[in-house]
mmCIF file of all heavy atoms, coordinates in Angstrom:
data_MODEL
# 
_entry.id   MODEL 
# 
loop_
_atom_site.group_PDB 
_atom_site.id 
_atom_site.type_symbol 
_atom_site.label_atom_id 
_atom_site.label_alt_id 
_atom_site.label_comp_id 
_atom_site.label_asym_id 
_atom_site.label_entity_id 
_atom_site.label_seq_id 
_atom_site.pdbx_PDB_ins_code 
_atom_site.Cartn_x 
_atom_site.Cartn_y 
_atom_site.Cartn_z 
_atom_site.occupancy 
_atom_site.B_iso_or_equiv 
_atom_site.pdbx_formal_charge 
_atom_site.auth_seq_id 
_atom_site.auth_comp_id 
_atom_site.auth_asym_id 
_atom_site.auth_atom_id 
_atom_site.pdbx_PDB_model_num 
ATOM 1   N N   . ALA A 1 1  ? 204.149 231.320 13.450 1.00 0.00 ? 1  ALA A N   1 
ATOM 2   C CA  . ALA A 1 1  ? 205.141 232.283 12.964 1.00 0.00 ? 1  ALA A CA  1 
ATOM 3   C C   . ALA A 1 1  ? 205.703 233.119 14.110 1.00 0.00 ? 1  ALA A C   1 
ATOM 4   O O   . ALA A 1 1  ? 206.908 233.396 14.149 1.00 0.00 ? 1  ALA A O   1 
ATOM 5   C CB  . ALA A 1 1  ? 204.523 233.177 11.897 1.00 0.00 ? 1  ALA A CB  1 
ATOM 6   N N   . THR A 1 2  ? 204.851 233.509 15.058 1.00 0.00 ? 2  THR A N   1 
ATOM 7   C CA  . THR A 1 2  ? 205.316 234.271 16.216 1.00 0.00 ? 2  THR A CA  1 
ATOM 8   C C   . THR A 1 2  ? 206.265 233.433 17.064 1.00 0.00 ? 2  THR A C   1 
ATOM 9   O O   . THR A 1 2  ? 207.294 233.932 17.535 1.00 0.00 ? 2  THR A O   1 
ATOM 10  C CB  . THR A 1 2  ? 204.122 234.740 17.061 1.00 0.00 ? 2  THR A CB  1 
ATOM 11  O OG1 . THR A 1 2  ? 203.255 235.528 16.240 1.00 0.00 ? 2  THR A OG1 1 
ATOM 12  C CG2 . THR A 1 2  ? 204.564 235.557 18.248 1.00 0.00 ? 2  THR A CG2 1 
ATOM 13  N N   . SER A 1 3  ? 205.935 232.157 17.234 1.00 0.00 ? 3  SER A N   1 
ATOM 14  C CA  . SER A 1 3  ? 206.819 231.269 18.002 1.00 0.00 ? 3  SER A CA  1 
ATOM 15  C C   . SER A 1 3  ? 208.171 231.115 17.330 1.00 0.00 ? 3  SER A C   1 
ATOM 16  O O   . SER A 1 3  ? 209.213 231.104 17.996 1.00 0.00 ? 3  SER A O   1 
ATOM 17  C CB  . SER A 1 3  ? 206.166 229.890 18.161 1.00 0.00 ? 3  SER A CB  1 
ATOM 18  O OG  . SER A 1 3  ? 204.946 230.012 18.833 1.00 0.00 ? 3  SER A OG  1 
ATOM 19  N N   . MET A 1 4  ? 208.166 231.002 16.013 1.00 0.00 ? 4  MET A N   1 
ATOM 20  C CA  . MET A 1 4  ? 209.434 230.888 15.280 1.00 0.00 ? 4  MET A CA  1 
ATOM 21  C C   . MET A 1 4  ? 210.266 232.155 15.446 1.00 0.00 ? 4  MET A C   1 
ATOM 22  O O   . MET A 1 4  ? 211.487 232.078 15.651 1.00 0.00 ? 4  MET A O   1 
ATOM 23  C CB  . MET A 1 4  ? 209.147 230.616 13.806 1.00 0.00 ? 4  MET A CB  1 
ATOM 24  C CG  . MET A 1 4  ? 208.558 229.252 13.540 1.00 0.00 ? 4  MET A CG  1 
ATOM 25  S SD  . MET A 1 4  ? 207.894 229.041 11.888 1.00 0.00 ? 4  MET A SD  1 
ATOM 26  C CE  . MET A 1 4  ? 209.344 229.221 10.888 1.00 0.00 ? 4  MET A CE  1 
ATOM 27  N N   . ALA A 1 5  ? 209.633 233.321 15.359 1.00 0.00 ? 5  ALA A N   1 
ATOM 28  C CA  . ALA A 1 5  ? 210.359 234.582 15.506 1.00 0.00 ? 5  ALA A CA  1 
ATOM 29  C C   . ALA A 1 5  ? 210.898 234.742 16.926 1.00 0.00 ? 5  ALA A C   1 
ATOM 30  O O   . ALA A 1 5  ? 212.040 235.186 17.119 1.00 0.00 ? 5  ALA A O   1 
ATOM 31  C CB  . ALA A 1 5  ? 209.453 235.753 15.133 1.00 0.00 ? 5  ALA A CB  1 
ATOM 32  N N   . LEU A 1 6  ? 210.087 234.387 17.915 1.00 0.00 ? 6  LEU A N   1 
ATOM 33  C CA  . LEU A 1 6  ? 210.551 234.486 19.302 1.00 0.00 ? 6  LEU A CA  1 
ATOM 34  C C   . LEU A 1 6  ? 211.707 233.532 19.570 1.00 0.00 ? 6  LEU A C   1 
ATOM 35  O O   . LEU A 1 6  ? 212.646 233.875 20.291 1.00 0.00 ? 6  LEU A O   1 
ATOM 36  C CB  . LEU A 1 6  ? 209.396 234.202 20.262 1.00 0.00 ? 6  LEU A CB  1 
ATOM 37  C CG  . LEU A 1 6  ? 208.391 235.333 20.430 1.00 0.00 ? 6  LEU A CG  1 
ATOM 38  C CD1 . LEU A 1 6  ? 207.225 234.880 21.291 1.00 0.00 ? 6  LEU A CD1 1 
ATOM 39  C CD2 . LEU A 1 6  ? 209.059 236.557 21.031 1.00 0.00 ? 6  LEU A CD2 1 
ATOM 40  N N   . TYR A 1 7  ? 211.657 232.339 18.998 1.00 0.00 ? 7  TYR A N   1 
ATOM 41  C CA  . TYR A 1 7  ? 212.763 231.395 19.151 1.00 0.00 ? 7  TYR A CA  1 
ATOM 42  C C   . TYR A 1 7  ? 214.044 231.978 18.567 1.00 0.00 ? 7  TYR A C   1 
ATOM 43  O O   . TYR A 1 7  ? 215.117 231.897 19.179 1.00 0.00 ? 7  TYR A O   1 
ATOM 44  C CB  . TYR A 1 7  ? 212.417 230.069 18.477 1.00 0.00 ? 7  TYR A CB  1 
ATOM 45  C CG  . TYR A 1 7  ? 213.528 229.063 18.552 1.00 0.00 ? 7  TYR A CG  1 
ATOM 46  C CD1 . TYR A 1 7  ? 213.755 228.349 19.719 1.00 0.00 ? 7  TYR A CD1 1 
ATOM 47  C CD2 . TYR A 1 7  ? 214.359 228.832 17.466 1.00 0.00 ? 7  TYR A CD2 1 
ATOM 48  C CE1 . TYR A 1 7  ? 214.780 227.430 19.797 1.00 0.00 ? 7  TYR A CE1 1 
ATOM 49  C CE2 . TYR A 1 7  ? 215.387 227.915 17.538 1.00 0.00 ? 7  TYR A CE2 1 
ATOM 50  C CZ  . TYR A 1 7  ? 215.594 227.220 18.711 1.00 0.00 ? 7  TYR A CZ  1 
ATOM 51  O OH  . TYR A 1 7  ? 216.616 226.320 18.793 1.00 0.00 ? 7  TYR A OH  1 
ATOM 52  N N   . LEU A 1 8  ? 213.927 232.589 17.409 1.00 0.00 ? 8  LEU A N   1 
ATOM 53  C CA  . LEU A 1 8  ? 215.100 233.197 16.785 1.00 0.00 ? 8  LEU A CA  1 
ATOM 54  C C   . LEU A 1 8  ? 215.668 234.311 17.660 1.00 0.00 ? 8  LEU A C   1 
ATOM 55  O O   . LEU A 1 8  ? 216.877 234.386 17.864 1.00 0.00 ? 8  LEU A O   1 
ATOM 56  C CB  . LEU A 1 8  ? 214.718 233.743 15.402 1.00 0.00 ? 8  LEU A CB  1 
ATOM 57  C CG  . LEU A 1 8  ? 215.829 234.304 14.538 1.00 0.00 ? 8  LEU A CG  1 
ATOM 58  C CD1 . LEU A 1 8  ? 216.794 233.206 14.150 1.00 0.00 ? 8  LEU A CD1 1 
ATOM 59  C CD2 . LEU A 1 8  ? 215.241 234.948 13.300 1.00 0.00 ? 8  LEU A CD2 1 
ATOM 60  N N   . PHE A 1 9  ? 214.792 235.136 18.204 1.00 0.00 ? 9  PHE A N   1 
ATOM 61  C CA  . PHE A 1 9  ? 215.254 236.282 18.990 1.00 0.00 ? 9  PHE A CA  1 
ATOM 62  C C   . PHE A 1 9  ? 215.693 235.899 20.399 1.00 0.00 ? 9  PHE A C   1 
ATOM 63  O O   . PHE A 1 9  ? 216.679 236.433 20.915 1.00 0.00 ? 9  PHE A O   1 
ATOM 64  C CB  . PHE A 1 9  ? 214.154 237.345 19.066 1.00 0.00 ? 9  PHE A CB  1 
ATOM 65  C CG  . PHE A 1 9  ? 214.565 238.581 19.797 1.00 0.00 ? 9  PHE A CG  1 
ATOM 66  C CD1 . PHE A 1 9  ? 215.558 239.406 19.287 1.00 0.00 ? 9  PHE A CD1 1 
ATOM 67  C CD2 . PHE A 1 9  ? 213.975 238.921 20.990 1.00 0.00 ? 9  PHE A CD2 1 
ATOM 68  C CE1 . PHE A 1 9  ? 215.948 240.553 19.964 1.00 0.00 ? 9  PHE A CE1 1 
ATOM 69  C CE2 . PHE A 1 9  ? 214.356 240.065 21.670 1.00 0.00 ? 9  PHE A CE2 1 
ATOM 70  C CZ  . PHE A 1 9  ? 215.346 240.877 21.160 1.00 0.00 ? 9  PHE A CZ  1 
ATOM 71  N N   . LEU A 1 10 ? 214.978 234.981 21.041 1.00 0.00 ? 10 LEU A N   1 
ATOM 72  C CA  . LEU A 1 10 ? 215.258 234.676 22.445 1.00 0.00 ? 10 LEU A CA  1 
ATOM 73  C C   . LEU A 1 10 ? 216.219 233.507 22.656 1.00 0.00 ? 10 LEU A C   1 
ATOM 74  O O   . LEU A 1 10 ? 216.736 233.334 23.758 1.00 0.00 ? 10 LEU A O   1 
ATOM 75  C CB  . LEU A 1 10 ? 213.949 234.385 23.184 1.00 0.00 ? 10 LEU A CB  1 
ATOM 76  C CG  . LEU A 1 10 ? 212.973 235.559 23.255 1.00 0.00 ? 10 LEU A CG  1 
ATOM 77  C CD1 . LEU A 1 10 ? 211.680 235.125 23.922 1.00 0.00 ? 10 LEU A CD1 1 
ATOM 78  C CD2 . LEU A 1 10 ? 213.593 236.735 23.985 1.00 0.00 ? 10 LEU A CD2 1 
ATOM 79  N N   . VAL A 1 11 ? 216.469 232.700 21.614 1.00 0.00 ? 11 VAL A N   1 
ATOM 80  C CA  . VAL A 1 11 ? 217.367 231.557 21.770 1.00 0.00 ? 11 VAL A CA  1 
ATOM 81  C C   . VAL A 1 11 ? 218.578 231.661 20.845 1.00 0.00 ? 11 VAL A C   1 
ATOM 82  O O   . VAL A 1 11 ? 219.717 231.623 21.291 1.00 0.00 ? 11 VAL A O   1 
ATOM 83  C CB  . VAL A 1 11 ? 216.613 230.216 21.534 1.00 0.00 ? 11 VAL A CB  1 
ATOM 84  C CG1 . VAL A 1 11 ? 217.564 229.042 21.583 1.00 0.00 ? 11 VAL A CG1 1 
ATOM 85  C CG2 . VAL A 1 11 ? 215.505 230.054 22.554 1.00 0.00 ? 11 VAL A CG2 1 
ATOM 86  N N   . VAL A 1 12 ? 218.331 231.795 19.559 1.00 0.00 ? 12 VAL A N   1 
ATOM 87  C CA  . VAL A 1 12 ? 219.428 231.763 18.591 1.00 0.00 ? 12 VAL A CA  1 
ATOM 88  C C   . VAL A 1 12 ? 220.338 232.975 18.752 1.00 0.00 ? 12 VAL A C   1 
ATOM 89  O O   . VAL A 1 12 ? 221.569 232.841 18.750 1.00 0.00 ? 12 VAL A O   1 
ATOM 90  C CB  . VAL A 1 12 ? 218.882 231.647 17.149 1.00 0.00 ? 12 VAL A CB  1 
ATOM 91  C CG1 . VAL A 1 12 ? 219.987 231.759 16.132 1.00 0.00 ? 12 VAL A CG1 1 
ATOM 92  C CG2 . VAL A 1 12 ? 218.123 230.344 16.983 1.00 0.00 ? 12 VAL A CG2 1 
ATOM 93  N N   . TRP A 1 13 ? 219.775 234.168 18.889 1.00 0.00 ? 13 TRP A N   1 
ATOM 94  C CA  . TRP A 1 13 ? 220.613 235.359 19.015 1.00 0.00 ? 13 TRP A CA  1 
ATOM 95  C C   . TRP A 1 13 ? 221.480 235.328 20.272 1.00 0.00 ? 13 TRP A C   1 
ATOM 96  O O   . TRP A 1 13 ? 222.701 235.537 20.177 1.00 0.00 ? 13 TRP A O   1 
ATOM 97  C CB  . TRP A 1 13 ? 219.770 236.640 18.968 1.00 0.00 ? 13 TRP A CB  1 
ATOM 98  C CG  . TRP A 1 13 ? 220.544 237.830 19.386 1.00 0.00 ? 13 TRP A CG  1 
ATOM 99  C CD1 . TRP A 1 13 ? 221.570 238.425 18.712 1.00 0.00 ? 13 TRP A CD1 1 
ATOM 100 C CD2 . TRP A 1 13 ? 220.408 238.548 20.608 1.00 0.00 ? 13 TRP A CD2 1 
ATOM 101 N NE1 . TRP A 1 13 ? 222.073 239.476 19.435 1.00 0.00 ? 13 TRP A NE1 1 
ATOM 102 C CE2 . TRP A 1 13 ? 221.369 239.574 20.606 1.00 0.00 ? 13 TRP A CE2 1 
ATOM 103 C CE3 . TRP A 1 13 ? 219.566 238.427 21.704 1.00 0.00 ? 13 TRP A CE3 1 
ATOM 104 C CZ2 . TRP A 1 13 ? 221.498 240.467 21.658 1.00 0.00 ? 13 TRP A CZ2 1 
ATOM 105 C CZ3 . TRP A 1 13 ? 219.692 239.324 22.737 1.00 0.00 ? 13 TRP A CZ3 1 
ATOM 106 C CH2 . TRP A 1 13 ? 220.661 240.328 22.701 1.00 0.00 ? 13 TRP A CH2 1 
ATOM 107 N N   . PRO A 1 14 ? 220.931 235.054 21.474 1.00 0.00 ? 14 PRO A N   1 
ATOM 108 C CA  . PRO A 1 14 ? 221.818 235.017 22.643 1.00 0.00 ? 14 PRO A CA  1 
ATOM 109 C C   . PRO A 1 14 ? 222.890 233.933 22.572 1.00 0.00 ? 14 PRO A C   1 
ATOM 110 O O   . PRO A 1 14 ? 224.022 234.153 23.005 1.00 0.00 ? 14 PRO A O   1 
ATOM 111 C CB  . PRO A 1 14 ? 220.862 234.753 23.816 1.00 0.00 ? 14 PRO A CB  1 
ATOM 112 C CG  . PRO A 1 14 ? 219.543 235.200 23.350 1.00 0.00 ? 14 PRO A CG  1 
ATOM 113 C CD  . PRO A 1 14 ? 219.522 234.929 21.885 1.00 0.00 ? 14 PRO A CD  1 
ATOM 114 N N   . VAL A 1 15 ? 222.550 232.779 22.017 1.00 0.00 ? 15 VAL A N   1 
ATOM 115 C CA  . VAL A 1 15 ? 223.556 231.719 21.903 1.00 0.00 ? 15 VAL A CA  1 
ATOM 116 C C   . VAL A 1 15 ? 224.671 232.132 20.947 1.00 0.00 ? 15 VAL A C   1 
ATOM 117 O O   . VAL A 1 15 ? 225.854 231.910 21.230 1.00 0.00 ? 15 VAL A O   1 
ATOM 118 C CB  . VAL A 1 15 ? 222.887 230.393 21.453 1.00 0.00 ? 15 VAL A CB  1 
ATOM 119 C CG1 . VAL A 1 15 ? 223.922 229.373 21.047 1.00 0.00 ? 15 VAL A CG1 1 
ATOM 120 C CG2 . VAL A 1 15 ? 222.008 229.853 22.558 1.00 0.00 ? 15 VAL A CG2 1 
ATOM 121 N N   . SER A 1 16 ? 224.304 232.762 19.834 1.00 0.00 ? 16 SER A N   1 
ATOM 122 C CA  . SER A 1 16 ? 225.352 233.192 18.902 1.00 0.00 ? 16 SER A CA  1 
ATOM 123 C C   . SER A 1 16 ? 226.227 234.281 19.528 1.00 0.00 ? 16 SER A C   1 
ATOM 124 O O   . SER A 1 16 ? 227.440 234.314 19.295 1.00 0.00 ? 16 SER A O   1 
ATOM 125 C CB  . SER A 1 16 ? 224.735 233.686 17.587 1.00 0.00 ? 16 SER A CB  1 
ATOM 126 O OG  . SER A 1 16 ? 224.059 234.905 17.778 1.00 0.00 ? 16 SER A OG  1 
ATOM 127 N N   . ASP A 1 17 ? 225.638 235.159 20.331 1.00 0.00 ? 17 ASP A N   1 
ATOM 128 C CA  . ASP A 1 17 ? 226.451 236.174 20.998 1.00 0.00 ? 17 ASP A CA  1 
ATOM 129 C C   . ASP A 1 17 ? 227.319 235.571 22.103 1.00 0.00 ? 17 ASP A C   1 
ATOM 130 O O   . ASP A 1 17 ? 228.424 236.048 22.354 1.00 0.00 ? 17 ASP A O   1 
ATOM 131 C CB  . ASP A 1 17 ? 225.574 237.292 21.554 1.00 0.00 ? 17 ASP A CB  1 
ATOM 132 C CG  . ASP A 1 17 ? 225.302 238.364 20.513 1.00 0.00 ? 17 ASP A CG  1 
ATOM 133 O OD1 . ASP A 1 17 ? 225.774 238.213 19.358 1.00 0.00 ? 17 ASP A OD1 1 
ATOM 134 O OD2 . ASP A 1 17 ? 224.631 239.360 20.828 1.00 0.00 ? 17 ASP A OD2 1 
ATOM 135 N N   . CYS A 1 18 ? 226.829 234.530 22.777 1.00 0.00 ? 18 CYS A N   1 
ATOM 136 C CA  . CYS A 1 18 ? 227.666 233.831 23.764 1.00 0.00 ? 18 CYS A CA  1 
ATOM 137 C C   . CYS A 1 18 ? 228.878 233.213 23.086 1.00 0.00 ? 18 CYS A C   1 
ATOM 138 O O   . CYS A 1 18 ? 229.997 233.285 23.605 1.00 0.00 ? 18 CYS A O   1 
ATOM 139 C CB  . CYS A 1 18 ? 226.857 232.751 24.479 1.00 0.00 ? 18 CYS A CB  1 
ATOM 140 S SG  . CYS A 1 18 ? 225.787 233.373 25.771 1.00 0.00 ? 18 CYS A SG  1 
ATOM 141 N N   . VAL A 1 19 ? 228.650 232.609 21.937 1.00 0.00 ? 19 VAL A N   1 
ATOM 142 C CA  . VAL A 1 19 ? 229.765 232.019 21.199 1.00 0.00 ? 19 VAL A CA  1 
ATOM 143 C C   . VAL A 1 19 ? 230.741 233.109 20.787 1.00 0.00 ? 19 VAL A C   1 
ATOM 144 O O   . VAL A 1 19 ? 231.962 232.947 20.913 1.00 0.00 ? 19 VAL A O   1 
ATOM 145 C CB  . VAL A 1 19 ? 229.240 231.231 19.973 1.00 0.00 ? 19 VAL A CB  1 
ATOM 146 C CG1 . VAL A 1 19 ? 230.367 230.849 19.036 1.00 0.00 ? 19 VAL A CG1 1 
ATOM 147 C CG2 . VAL A 1 19 ? 228.489 230.000 20.433 1.00 0.00 ? 19 VAL A CG2 1 
ATOM 148 N N   . ARG A 1 20 ? 230.221 234.239 20.298 1.00 0.00 ? 20 ARG A N   1 
ATOM 149 C CA  . ARG A 1 20 ? 231.099 235.362 19.930 1.00 0.00 ? 20 ARG A CA  1 
ATOM 150 C C   . ARG A 1 20 ? 231.907 235.858 21.121 1.00 0.00 ? 20 ARG A C   1 
ATOM 151 O O   . ARG A 1 20 ? 233.090 236.177 21.007 1.00 0.00 ? 20 ARG A O   1 
ATOM 152 C CB  . ARG A 1 20 ? 230.269 236.534 19.400 1.00 0.00 ? 20 ARG A CB  1 
ATOM 153 C CG  . ARG A 1 20 ? 230.111 236.590 17.936 1.00 0.00 ? 20 ARG A CG  1 
ATOM 154 C CD  . ARG A 1 20 ? 229.277 237.815 17.595 1.00 0.00 ? 20 ARG A CD  1 
ATOM 155 N NE  . ARG A 1 20 ? 230.089 238.975 17.384 1.00 0.00 ? 20 ARG A NE  1 
ATOM 156 C CZ  . ARG A 1 20 ? 230.463 239.410 16.202 1.00 0.00 ? 20 ARG A CZ  1 
ATOM 157 N NH1 . ARG A 1 20 ? 230.099 238.768 15.128 1.00 0.00 ? 20 ARG A NH1 1 
ATOM 158 N NH2 . ARG A 1 20 ? 231.191 240.486 16.082 1.00 0.00 ? 20 ARG A NH2 1 
ATOM 159 N N   . TYR A 1 21 ? 231.263 235.951 22.265 1.00 0.00 ? 21 TYR A N   1 
ATOM 160 C CA  . TYR A 1 21 ? 231.919 236.494 23.450 1.00 0.00 ? 21 TYR A CA  1 
ATOM 161 C C   . TYR A 1 21 ? 232.968 235.531 24.005 1.00 0.00 ? 21 TYR A C   1 
ATOM 162 O O   . TYR A 1 21 ? 234.094 235.926 24.313 1.00 0.00 ? 21 TYR A O   1 
ATOM 163 C CB  . TYR A 1 21 ? 230.879 236.814 24.526 1.00 0.00 ? 21 TYR A CB  1 
ATOM 164 C CG  . TYR A 1 21 ? 231.452 237.412 25.772 1.00 0.00 ? 21 TYR A CG  1 
ATOM 165 C CD1 . TYR A 1 21 ? 231.893 238.734 25.779 1.00 0.00 ? 21 TYR A CD1 1 
ATOM 166 C CD2 . TYR A 1 21 ? 231.581 236.668 26.935 1.00 0.00 ? 21 TYR A CD2 1 
ATOM 167 C CE1 . TYR A 1 21 ? 232.435 239.291 26.922 1.00 0.00 ? 21 TYR A CE1 1 
ATOM 168 C CE2 . TYR A 1 21 ? 232.121 237.213 28.070 1.00 0.00 ? 21 TYR A CE2 1 
ATOM 169 C CZ  . TYR A 1 21 ? 232.548 238.528 28.064 1.00 0.00 ? 21 TYR A CZ  1 
ATOM 170 O OH  . TYR A 1 21 ? 233.082 239.082 29.189 1.00 0.00 ? 21 TYR A OH  1 
ATOM 171 N N   . PHE A 1 22 ? 232.610 234.244 24.147 1.00 0.00 ? 22 PHE A N   1 
ATOM 172 C CA  . PHE A 1 22 ? 233.517 233.303 24.784 1.00 0.00 ? 22 PHE A CA  1 
ATOM 173 C C   . PHE A 1 22 ? 234.590 232.769 23.850 1.00 0.00 ? 22 PHE A C   1 
ATOM 174 O O   . PHE A 1 22 ? 235.723 232.540 24.278 1.00 0.00 ? 22 PHE A O   1 
ATOM 175 C CB  . PHE A 1 22 ? 232.734 232.149 25.413 1.00 0.00 ? 22 PHE A CB  1 
ATOM 176 C CG  . PHE A 1 22 ? 231.952 232.576 26.628 1.00 0.00 ? 22 PHE A CG  1 
ATOM 177 C CD1 . PHE A 1 22 ? 230.572 232.517 26.638 1.00 0.00 ? 22 PHE A CD1 1 
ATOM 178 C CD2 . PHE A 1 22 ? 232.596 233.055 27.750 1.00 0.00 ? 22 PHE A CD2 1 
ATOM 179 C CE1 . PHE A 1 22 ? 229.857 232.914 27.745 1.00 0.00 ? 22 PHE A CE1 1 
ATOM 180 C CE2 . PHE A 1 22 ? 231.886 233.470 28.865 1.00 0.00 ? 22 PHE A CE2 1 
ATOM 181 C CZ  . PHE A 1 22 ? 230.508 233.387 28.865 1.00 0.00 ? 22 PHE A CZ  1 
ATOM 182 N N   . TRP A 1 23 ? 234.274 232.526 22.597 1.00 0.00 ? 23 TRP A N   1 
ATOM 183 C CA  . TRP A 1 23 ? 235.275 231.983 21.677 1.00 0.00 ? 23 TRP A CA  1 
ATOM 184 C C   . TRP A 1 23 ? 236.116 233.064 21.021 1.00 0.00 ? 23 TRP A C   1 
ATOM 185 O O   . TRP A 1 23 ? 237.318 232.923 20.892 1.00 0.00 ? 23 TRP A O   1 
ATOM 186 C CB  . TRP A 1 23 ? 234.620 231.146 20.589 1.00 0.00 ? 23 TRP A CB  1 
ATOM 187 C CG  . TRP A 1 23 ? 234.334 229.743 21.026 1.00 0.00 ? 23 TRP A CG  1 
ATOM 188 C CD1 . TRP A 1 23 ? 234.501 229.214 22.276 1.00 0.00 ? 23 TRP A CD1 1 
ATOM 189 C CD2 . TRP A 1 23 ? 233.843 228.700 20.213 1.00 0.00 ? 23 TRP A CD2 1 
ATOM 190 N NE1 . TRP A 1 23 ? 234.114 227.910 22.295 1.00 0.00 ? 23 TRP A NE1 1 
ATOM 191 C CE2 . TRP A 1 23 ? 233.708 227.559 21.040 1.00 0.00 ? 23 TRP A CE2 1 
ATOM 192 C CE3 . TRP A 1 23 ? 233.482 228.603 18.890 1.00 0.00 ? 23 TRP A CE3 1 
ATOM 193 C CZ2 . TRP A 1 23 ? 233.242 226.356 20.554 1.00 0.00 ? 23 TRP A CZ2 1 
ATOM 194 C CZ3 . TRP A 1 23 ? 233.016 227.392 18.419 1.00 0.00 ? 23 TRP A CZ3 1 
ATOM 195 C CH2 . TRP A 1 23 ? 232.904 226.295 19.244 1.00 0.00 ? 23 TRP A CH2 1 
ATOM 196 N N   . ALA A 1 24 ? 235.476 234.146 20.593 1.00 0.00 ? 24 ALA A N   1 
ATOM 197 C CA  . ALA A 1 24 ? 236.223 235.187 19.890 1.00 0.00 ? 24 ALA A CA  1 
ATOM 198 C C   . ALA A 1 24 ? 236.668 236.308 20.818 1.00 0.00 ? 24 ALA A C   1 
ATOM 199 O O   . ALA A 1 24 ? 237.465 237.147 20.432 1.00 0.00 ? 24 ALA A O   1 
ATOM 200 C CB  . ALA A 1 24 ? 235.373 235.760 18.756 1.00 0.00 ? 24 ALA A CB  1 
ATOM 201 N N   . GLY A 1 25 ? 236.121 236.350 22.019 1.00 0.00 ? 25 GLY A N   1 
ATOM 202 C CA  . GLY A 1 25 ? 236.493 237.401 22.956 1.00 0.00 ? 25 GLY A CA  1 
ATOM 203 C C   . GLY A 1 25 ? 236.005 238.775 22.539 1.00 0.00 ? 25 GLY A C   1 
ATOM 204 O O   . GLY A 1 25 ? 236.631 239.783 22.858 1.00 0.00 ? 25 GLY A O   1 
# 
């Protein structure tokens, strides 16, 4: 469960923000 939460916080969140930043500006 800790690994799943860390994956969500350390991988999914930054990637979604990168997409927001680069695609949506």
